[in-house]
């Protein structure tokens, strides 16, 4: 009997070890650890004043771009101990230069740690509201600002909710309403790693308004960037660990209906949408291991991917920019505007490139 118990115990241990080994191999594939991309550059120059990343960028139809900088994110390198900042850039200016936005109100700027951003324009009076994911002391909350004058943000409100526990990015759909992605299934890092190790797609997207907060979509390995189509009918979500962009249709009552997933073959971070064409632009990480295990001698590269005709039966996925990390490290967002492309990074510089 004792011998049989030892055999069963040994078999159980062997099975667990085999499963864990298999999952680690799958995680390496998920992180694209063996992937190298050939360099494909554009005519680009670095943006002045941006030294510690521009993790997210959003551009209005009039060419005004907002940038979040100085993100300090768990597990990622950070080269600055200073609080994060917000910048604005006028792409219609002959020599566009980022200008730091002055923030007024009761927000604690000493722990400001901006991440994903989104803009909502109130059609009633053309007021511009900037939504910013903020991680003070690595907490998760959303700040709403009113953009006034040329370079001033007035802080209006801080939003916290148990469902908004690991917010990565948001897309605003009202003055105080938005969709938000959670890139962790649980706020606890160890528990989240276990969920990823087990291969459980438990991350979700939350819809928030002053009247309600609820899960609007789920089944993501890690829900990351999110954005909306120019006609406001569709929501696009990057499942970064699944190497795919998910397309949802907005229905009455802010319900989301899944339509399709488009494979992109890279770890795509934030999503921007061309106001004119509807093309999807993605800032991506070609090799996740180099990003998480940062080595300045072998830095993580950058990749920009575009998706044309995403609602057709055969969307066209193309690589528009690629670098091995010697020019641009860890691209997180690519925002197009009238022949120009802004590329931002998690913790490095930002560039303005010519597409024509």
Protein backbone atom coordinates (compact mmCIF):
# COMPACT_ATOMS: atom_id res chain seq x y z
CA UNK A 1 0.00 0.00 0.00
CA UNK A 2 2.82 2.38 0.91
CA UNK A 3 4.58 1.58 -2.34
CA UNK A 4 1.40 2.31 -4.30
CA UNK A 5 1.03 5.70 -2.59
CA UNK A 6 4.63 6.55 -3.51
CA UNK A 7 3.96 5.60 -7.15
CA UNK A 8 0.81 7.73 -7.24
CA UNK A 9 2.62 10.67 -5.60
CA UNK A 10 5.52 10.38 -8.04
CA UNK A 11 3.13 10.23 -10.99
CA UNK A 12 1.27 13.31 -9.72
CA UNK A 13 4.51 15.26 -9.27
CA UNK A 14 5.68 14.24 -12.73
CA UNK A 15 2.36 15.29 -14.27
CA UNK A 16 2.48 18.68 -12.54
CA UNK A 17 6.10 19.21 -13.59
CA UNK A 18 5.24 18.28 -17.19
CA UNK A 19 2.30 20.68 -17.20
CA UNK A 20 4.35 23.54 -15.77
CA UNK A 21 7.15 22.86 -18.26
CA UNK A 22 4.66 22.83 -21.12
CA UNK A 23 3.08 26.09 -19.92
CA UNK A 24 6.49 27.79 -19.66
CA UNK A 25 7.19 26.83 -23.27
CA UNK A 26 3.82 28.29 -24.23
CA UNK A 27 4.59 31.46 -22.28
CA UNK A 28 7.85 31.84 -24.18
CA UNK A 29 5.91 31.52 -27.42
CA UNK A 30 3.36 34.01 -26.12
CA UNK A 31 6.13 36.48 -25.31
CA UNK A 32 7.69 35.98 -28.78
CA UNK A 33 11.07 35.38 -27.12
CA UNK A 34 12.74 34.05 -30.27
CA UNK A 35 11.32 36.69 -32.63
CA UNK A 36 13.54 39.21 -34.40
CA UNK A 37 12.20 41.71 -36.91
CA UNK A 38 14.19 43.31 -39.73
CA UNK A 39 14.75 47.05 -39.44
CA UNK A 40 12.26 49.14 -41.42
CA UNK A 41 12.70 52.85 -40.81
CA UNK A 42 10.81 55.98 -41.83
CA UNK A 43 12.00 59.57 -42.10
CA UNK A 44 11.75 60.42 -38.39
CA UNK A 45 13.10 62.79 -35.77
CA UNK A 46 12.89 62.74 -31.98
CA UNK A 47 10.36 65.02 -30.33
CA UNK A 48 11.86 67.64 -28.03
CA UNK A 49 11.14 67.47 -24.29
CA UNK A 50 10.12 63.80 -24.34
CA UNK A 51 12.82 61.84 -22.52
CA UNK A 52 10.95 59.35 -20.33
CA UNK A 53 8.42 57.78 -22.63
CA UNK A 54 5.14 58.73 -24.25
CA UNK A 55 3.16 55.61 -23.38
CA UNK A 56 -0.02 56.88 -24.99
CA UNK A 57 -0.84 59.55 -27.56
CA UNK A 58 -4.18 60.70 -28.91
CA UNK A 59 -4.78 63.22 -31.70
CA UNK A 60 -7.86 65.37 -32.25
CA UNK A 61 -9.28 66.06 -35.71
CA UNK A 62 -7.76 69.58 -35.60
CA UNK A 63 -4.23 68.17 -35.19
CA UNK A 64 -3.87 68.74 -31.46
CA UNK A 65 -2.08 65.79 -29.86
CA UNK A 66 -1.96 64.86 -26.17
CA UNK A 67 0.87 62.73 -24.74
CA UNK A 68 1.23 60.98 -21.37
CA UNK A 69 4.83 60.69 -20.17
CA UNK A 70 6.89 59.34 -17.29
CA UNK A 71 4.98 56.12 -16.67
CA UNK A 72 6.35 53.96 -13.87
CA UNK A 73 4.81 50.53 -14.39
CA UNK A 74 5.49 47.39 -12.29
CA UNK A 75 7.98 45.10 -13.98
CA UNK A 76 9.02 47.70 -16.55
CA UNK A 77 12.19 49.83 -16.50
CA UNK A 78 11.89 53.47 -15.50
CA UNK A 79 14.62 56.05 -15.94
CA UNK A 80 13.03 58.85 -13.93
CA UNK A 81 11.96 59.16 -10.31
CA UNK A 82 9.99 62.30 -11.07
CA UNK A 83 6.17 62.34 -11.31
CA UNK A 84 4.64 61.85 -14.74
CA UNK A 85 3.54 64.73 -16.94
CA UNK A 86 1.11 65.52 -19.74
CA UNK A 87 2.11 67.30 -22.94
CA UNK A 88 0.26 68.86 -25.86
CA UNK A 89 1.55 69.14 -29.43
CA UNK A 90 0.12 71.08 -32.37
CA UNK A 91 0.75 69.07 -35.53
CA UNK A 92 -0.37 71.98 -37.71
CA UNK A 93 2.57 74.07 -36.51
CA UNK A 94 5.54 74.18 -38.95
CA UNK A 95 7.81 72.81 -36.20
CA UNK A 96 5.63 70.86 -33.76
CA UNK A 97 7.10 70.85 -30.24
CA UNK A 98 5.55 69.23 -27.16
CA UNK A 99 4.55 71.73 -24.48
CA UNK A 100 4.00 70.63 -20.89
CA UNK A 101 0.40 71.00 -19.77
CA UNK A 102 -0.16 72.88 -16.53
CA UNK A 103 -2.51 70.96 -14.24
CA UNK A 104 -4.78 72.85 -11.87
CA UNK A 105 -7.10 71.50 -9.23
CA UNK A 106 -6.85 69.19 -6.22
CA UNK A 107 -5.01 66.28 -7.88
CA UNK A 108 -1.85 65.18 -6.04
CA UNK A 109 0.79 65.79 -8.70
CA UNK A 110 3.62 64.41 -6.55
CA UNK A 111 2.37 60.87 -7.28
CA UNK A 112 0.94 61.46 -10.76
CA UNK A 113 1.69 58.36 -12.86
CA UNK A 114 -0.19 58.66 -16.19
CA UNK A 115 -0.84 55.66 -18.44
CA UNK A 116 -3.55 55.34 -21.13
CA UNK A 117 -5.44 58.45 -22.27
CA UNK A 118 -8.54 59.36 -24.25
CA UNK A 119 -10.35 62.54 -25.28
CA UNK A 120 -14.07 63.27 -25.37
CA UNK A 121 -15.45 66.37 -27.09
CA UNK A 122 -18.86 67.53 -25.90
CA UNK A 123 -20.78 68.43 -29.07
CA UNK A 124 -23.04 70.78 -27.11
CA UNK A 125 -20.28 73.35 -26.57
CA UNK A 126 -17.11 71.77 -28.07
CA UNK A 127 -15.58 71.36 -24.60
CA UNK A 128 -12.58 69.03 -24.58
CA UNK A 129 -12.29 66.49 -21.76
CA UNK A 130 -9.11 64.50 -21.27
CA UNK A 131 -9.36 61.12 -19.51
CA UNK A 132 -6.13 59.77 -18.00
CA UNK A 133 -5.42 56.41 -16.36
CA UNK A 134 -3.39 57.16 -13.24
CA UNK A 135 -1.42 54.80 -10.98
CA UNK A 136 -0.41 56.70 -7.83
CA UNK A 137 1.43 54.28 -5.53
CA UNK A 138 0.56 51.72 -8.25
CA UNK A 139 -3.16 52.04 -7.56
CA UNK A 140 -5.65 52.16 -10.43
CA UNK A 141 -7.86 55.18 -11.05
CA UNK A 142 -9.10 57.45 -13.82
CA UNK A 143 -8.72 61.23 -13.83
CA UNK A 144 -11.01 63.52 -15.81
CA UNK A 145 -9.67 66.92 -16.89
CA UNK A 146 -11.12 69.87 -18.77
CA UNK A 147 -8.70 71.21 -21.38
CA UNK A 148 -8.77 75.02 -21.29
CA UNK A 149 -6.77 77.75 -22.96
CA UNK A 150 -3.63 76.59 -24.79
CA UNK A 151 -1.78 74.54 -22.20
CA UNK A 152 -3.93 74.06 -19.10
CA UNK A 153 -5.80 71.08 -17.69
CA UNK A 154 -8.33 71.61 -14.91
CA UNK A 155 -8.82 68.48 -12.83
CA UNK A 156 -12.51 67.71 -12.43
CA UNK A 157 -12.83 64.26 -10.92
CA UNK A 158 -11.06 61.08 -9.80
CA UNK A 159 -12.88 57.80 -10.48
CA UNK A 160 -12.18 54.59 -8.58
CA UNK A 161 -14.19 51.37 -8.54
CA UNK A 162 -13.53 47.72 -7.57
CA UNK A 163 -14.03 46.68 -11.20
CA UNK A 164 -11.37 49.19 -12.31
CA UNK A 165 -8.63 47.34 -10.47
CA UNK A 166 -5.90 47.12 -13.15
CA UNK A 167 -6.77 49.68 -15.79
CA UNK A 168 -4.42 49.93 -18.74
CA UNK A 169 -6.29 52.10 -21.23
CA UNK A 170 -9.65 53.81 -21.73
CA UNK A 171 -11.86 55.19 -24.47
CA UNK A 172 -14.21 57.99 -23.45
CA UNK A 173 -17.79 57.86 -24.75
CA UNK A 174 -19.32 60.62 -22.62
CA UNK A 175 -18.44 63.49 -20.31
CA UNK A 176 -18.05 61.02 -17.42
CA UNK A 177 -18.42 57.62 -19.13
CA UNK A 178 -15.87 55.31 -20.71
CA UNK A 179 -14.77 51.77 -21.49
CA UNK A 180 -11.62 50.61 -19.68
CA UNK A 181 -9.36 47.59 -20.15
CA UNK A 182 -7.97 45.60 -17.24
CA UNK A 183 -4.59 44.10 -18.15
CA UNK A 184 -4.56 41.94 -14.99
CA UNK A 185 -7.23 39.43 -14.00
CA UNK A 186 -6.48 40.30 -10.35
CA UNK A 187 -4.59 43.30 -8.93
CA UNK A 188 -2.25 40.96 -7.05
CA UNK A 189 0.85 40.33 -9.21
CA UNK A 190 1.52 36.79 -7.96
CA UNK A 191 -2.10 35.73 -8.44
CA UNK A 192 -2.18 37.27 -11.89
CA UNK A 193 1.01 35.44 -12.88
CA UNK A 194 -0.56 32.18 -11.75
CA UNK A 195 -3.62 32.88 -13.91
CA UNK A 196 -1.38 33.58 -16.91
CA UNK A 197 0.68 30.46 -16.17
CA UNK A 198 -2.51 28.40 -16.19
CA UNK A 199 -3.53 30.02 -19.49
CA UNK A 200 -6.83 31.37 -18.19
CA UNK A 201 -8.26 34.31 -20.21
CA UNK A 202 -9.80 36.10 -17.25
CA UNK A 203 -9.09 39.76 -18.06
CA UNK A 204 -11.98 42.00 -19.01
CA UNK A 205 -13.25 45.35 -20.27
CA UNK A 206 -15.40 47.48 -17.98
CA UNK A 207 -18.02 50.04 -18.92
CA UNK A 208 -18.27 52.89 -16.42
CA UNK A 209 -20.76 55.74 -16.10
CA UNK A 210 -22.03 57.70 -13.07
CA UNK A 211 -25.08 55.40 -13.10
CA UNK A 212 -23.40 52.01 -13.42
CA UNK A 213 -20.18 50.02 -13.67
CA UNK A 214 -20.18 46.54 -15.20
CA UNK A 215 -18.09 44.11 -17.21
CA UNK A 216 -18.82 44.77 -20.89
CA UNK A 217 -16.55 42.10 -22.41
CA UNK A 218 -14.31 39.34 -21.07
CA UNK A 219 -12.20 36.40 -22.16
CA UNK A 220 -8.91 38.28 -22.64
CA UNK A 221 -5.46 37.01 -21.74
CA UNK A 222 -4.49 40.65 -21.11
CA UNK A 223 -6.73 43.47 -22.34
CA UNK A 224 -4.50 46.39 -23.27
CA UNK A 225 -5.16 49.21 -25.76
CA UNK A 226 -8.72 50.24 -26.59
CA UNK A 227 -10.20 52.71 -29.06
CA UNK A 228 -13.28 53.53 -31.09
CA UNK A 229 -14.09 53.83 -34.80
CA UNK A 230 -14.63 57.29 -36.33
CA UNK A 231 -18.38 56.64 -36.60
CA UNK A 232 -18.47 55.49 -32.93
CA UNK A 233 -20.06 52.15 -33.92
CA UNK A 234 -17.17 49.84 -33.12
CA UNK A 235 -14.77 49.30 -30.25
CA UNK A 236 -11.28 47.87 -30.87
CA UNK A 237 -9.37 46.07 -28.12
CA UNK A 238 -5.81 44.75 -28.13
CA UNK A 239 -5.37 41.41 -26.38
CA UNK A 240 -1.62 41.84 -26.14
CA UNK A 241 -0.77 38.28 -25.05
CA UNK A 242 -3.07 36.76 -27.66
CA UNK A 243 -1.37 38.79 -30.45
CA UNK A 244 -4.78 39.91 -31.73
CA UNK A 245 -7.13 42.86 -32.10
CA UNK A 246 -10.74 42.14 -31.14
CA UNK A 247 -13.56 44.01 -32.84
CA UNK A 248 -16.81 44.70 -31.00
CA UNK A 249 -19.98 46.44 -32.13
CA UNK A 250 -21.58 48.96 -29.78
CA UNK A 251 -25.24 48.28 -29.23
CA UNK A 252 -28.00 50.13 -27.42
CA UNK A 253 -27.33 50.51 -23.71
CA UNK A 254 -23.55 50.37 -24.30
CA UNK A 255 -23.62 46.62 -24.86
CA UNK A 256 -20.68 45.15 -26.77
CA UNK A 257 -21.08 42.31 -29.28
CA UNK A 258 -17.95 40.49 -30.43
CA UNK A 259 -17.58 40.41 -34.22
CA UNK A 260 -14.10 39.11 -34.99
CA UNK A 261 -10.45 38.84 -33.98
CA UNK A 262 -7.62 39.91 -36.28
CA UNK A 263 -4.21 38.32 -35.75
CA UNK A 264 -1.29 40.77 -35.76
CA UNK A 265 1.67 38.53 -34.89
CA UNK A 266 3.13 40.93 -32.34
CA UNK A 267 2.59 42.15 -28.79
CA UNK A 268 0.51 45.18 -29.66
CA UNK A 269 0.04 47.79 -26.97
CA UNK A 270 -2.10 50.87 -27.67
CA UNK A 271 -4.53 51.40 -30.54
CA UNK A 272 -5.02 54.61 -32.51
CA UNK A 273 -7.48 55.14 -35.35
CA UNK A 274 -6.99 57.36 -38.39
CA UNK A 275 -9.88 59.86 -38.27
CA UNK A 276 -9.96 60.06 -42.07
CA UNK A 277 -9.53 56.46 -43.25
CA UNK A 278 -10.51 54.41 -40.22
CA UNK A 279 -7.21 52.48 -40.43
CA UNK A 280 -5.99 50.93 -37.19
CA UNK A 281 -2.46 51.85 -36.04
CA UNK A 282 -0.69 49.83 -33.36
CA UNK A 283 2.42 50.43 -31.30
CA UNK A 284 3.86 46.97 -30.66
CA UNK A 285 6.63 45.09 -28.86
CA UNK A 286 8.28 42.56 -31.19
CA UNK A 287 9.90 40.60 -28.33
CA UNK A 288 8.28 40.55 -24.90
CA UNK A 289 11.22 38.94 -23.10
CA UNK A 290 13.55 41.79 -24.06
CA UNK A 291 10.98 44.22 -22.72
CA UNK A 292 10.49 42.55 -19.34
CA UNK A 293 14.18 41.59 -18.91
CA UNK A 294 15.63 44.93 -19.96
CA UNK A 295 19.27 44.84 -21.06
CA UNK A 296 20.74 48.14 -22.34
CA UNK A 297 23.20 46.11 -24.43
CA UNK A 298 20.34 44.32 -26.17
CA UNK A 299 17.35 46.66 -25.81
CA UNK A 300 13.76 45.79 -26.73
CA UNK A 301 12.82 46.88 -30.23
CA UNK A 302 9.85 48.73 -31.65
CA UNK A 303 7.25 47.87 -34.25
CA UNK A 304 4.33 49.73 -35.81
CA UNK A 305 1.56 47.76 -37.47
CA UNK A 306 -1.34 49.08 -39.52
CA UNK A 307 -4.63 47.30 -40.27
CA UNK A 308 -6.58 48.44 -43.33
CA UNK A 309 -10.21 47.50 -43.92
CA UNK A 310 -10.54 45.80 -40.57
CA UNK A 311 -14.26 45.20 -41.10
CA UNK A 312 -13.79 43.41 -44.41
CA UNK A 313 -13.45 39.65 -44.80
CA UNK A 314 -9.72 40.06 -45.47
CA UNK A 315 -8.19 42.93 -43.45
CA UNK A 316 -4.73 43.96 -44.63
CA UNK A 317 -2.14 43.80 -41.84
CA UNK A 318 1.18 45.50 -42.64
CA UNK A 319 4.35 46.43 -40.82
CA UNK A 320 5.01 50.18 -41.24
CA UNK A 321 8.03 50.65 -38.97
CA UNK A 322 10.47 48.36 -37.16
CA UNK A 323 13.62 48.97 -35.15
CA UNK A 324 15.93 46.75 -33.11
CA UNK A 325 15.99 49.14 -30.15
CA UNK A 326 18.98 51.21 -31.25
CA UNK A 327 16.78 54.04 -32.55
CA UNK A 328 13.58 53.56 -30.56
CA UNK A 329 13.02 51.36 -27.50
CA UNK A 330 9.67 49.74 -26.60
CA UNK A 331 7.12 51.43 -28.85
CA UNK A 332 3.68 51.56 -27.22
CA UNK A 333 1.60 53.74 -29.54
CA UNK A 334 1.53 54.99 -33.13
CA UNK A 335 -0.81 57.89 -33.93
CA UNK A 336 -1.27 59.11 -37.53
CA UNK A 337 -2.35 62.53 -38.72
CA UNK A 338 -2.36 63.93 -42.25
CA UNK A 339 0.83 62.25 -43.48
CA UNK A 340 2.61 62.34 -40.10
CA UNK A 341 3.02 59.59 -37.54
CA UNK A 342 3.78 60.05 -33.85
CA UNK A 343 5.39 57.01 -32.22
CA UNK A 344 5.53 56.88 -28.43
CA UNK A 345 7.30 54.46 -26.10
CA UNK A 346 6.88 53.04 -22.61
CA UNK A 347 9.98 54.65 -21.09
CA UNK A 348 12.19 55.94 -23.93
CA UNK A 349 11.76 58.79 -26.43
CA UNK A 350 9.04 59.70 -28.92
CA UNK A 351 9.36 60.38 -32.64
CA UNK A 352 7.56 62.24 -35.39
CA UNK A 353 7.76 60.52 -38.77
CA UNK A 354 6.77 61.35 -42.33
CA UNK A 355 4.43 58.89 -44.01
CA UNK A 356 4.34 60.58 -47.42
